[in-house]
């Protein structure tokens, strides 16, 4: 049970950090996150 709770907590923390970093990158330079997203899809 503890491992599942820790896994879910880390997943939510990763989603939160990812959202914040993506917003910061869009604020910094708009082309950077678009290129990163395209690279992940490719």
C-alpha atoms as a PDB file:
ATOM      1  CA  UNK A   1       0.000   0.000   0.000  1.00  0.00           C
ATOM      2  CA  UNK A   2       2.831   2.376   0.868  1.00  0.00           C
ATOM      3  CA  UNK A   3       4.572   1.793  -2.464  1.00  0.00           C
ATOM      4  CA  UNK A   4       1.376   2.538  -4.376  1.00  0.00           C
ATOM      5  CA  UNK A   5       0.778   5.722  -2.388  1.00  0.00           C
ATOM      6  CA  UNK A   6       4.364   6.846  -2.957  1.00  0.00           C
ATOM      7  CA  UNK A   7       4.093   6.076  -6.665  1.00  0.00           C
ATOM      8  CA  UNK A   8       0.868   8.086  -7.000  1.00  0.00           C
ATOM      9  CA  UNK A   9       2.359  10.975  -5.025  1.00  0.00           C
ATOM     10  CA  UNK A  10       5.459  11.095  -7.225  1.00  0.00           C
ATOM     11  CA  UNK A  11       3.276  10.950 -10.346  1.00  0.00           C
ATOM     12  CA  UNK A  12       1.199  13.895  -9.195  1.00  0.00           C
ATOM     13  CA  UNK A  13       4.318  15.812  -8.173  1.00  0.00           C
ATOM     14  CA  UNK A  14       5.850  15.142 -11.591  1.00  0.00           C
ATOM     15  CA  UNK A  15       2.698  16.374 -13.330  1.00  0.00           C
ATOM     16  CA  UNK A  16       2.717  19.549 -11.246  1.00  0.00           C
ATOM     17  CA  UNK A  17       6.399  20.245 -11.910  1.00  0.00           C
ATOM     18  CA  UNK A  18       5.919  19.500 -15.600  1.00  0.00           C
ATOM     19  CA  UNK A  19       3.057  21.994 -15.807  1.00  0.00           C
ATOM     20  CA  UNK A  20       5.086  24.681 -14.057  1.00  0.00           C
ATOM     21  CA  UNK A  21       8.172  24.111 -16.217  1.00  0.00           C
ATOM     22  CA  UNK A  22       6.106  24.116 -19.422  1.00  0.00           C
ATOM     23  CA  UNK A  23       4.463  27.408 -18.445  1.00  0.00           C
ATOM     24  CA  UNK A  24       7.843  28.911 -17.583  1.00  0.00           C
ATOM     25  CA  UNK A  25       9.292  27.823 -20.929  1.00  0.00           C
ATOM     26  CA  UNK A  26       6.347  29.338 -22.807  1.00  0.00           C
ATOM     27  CA  UNK A  27       6.863  32.568 -20.865  1.00  0.00           C
ATOM     28  CA  UNK A  28      10.607  32.514 -21.564  1.00  0.00           C
ATOM     29  CA  UNK A  29      10.604  31.645 -25.275  1.00  0.00           C
ATOM     30  CA  UNK A  30       7.518  30.395 -27.063  1.00  0.00           C
ATOM     31  CA  UNK A  31       9.371  28.232 -29.593  1.00  0.00           C
ATOM     32  CA  UNK A  32      11.255  26.099 -27.032  1.00  0.00           C
ATOM     33  CA  UNK A  33       8.324  24.057 -25.613  1.00  0.00           C
ATOM     34  CA  UNK A  34       6.781  23.672 -29.068  1.00  0.00           C
ATOM     35  CA  UNK A  35      10.027  22.195 -30.427  1.00  0.00           C
ATOM     36  CA  UNK A  36      10.402  19.957 -27.347  1.00  0.00           C
ATOM     37  CA  UNK A  37       6.837  18.680 -27.720  1.00  0.00           C
ATOM     38  CA  UNK A  38       7.358  18.039 -31.425  1.00  0.00           C
ATOM     39  CA  UNK A  39      10.601  16.178 -30.642  1.00  0.00           C
ATOM     40  CA  UNK A  40       8.801  13.969 -28.098  1.00  0.00           C
ATOM     41  CA  UNK A  41       6.086  13.166 -30.647  1.00  0.00           C
ATOM     42  CA  UNK A  42       8.637  12.385 -33.347  1.00  0.00           C
END
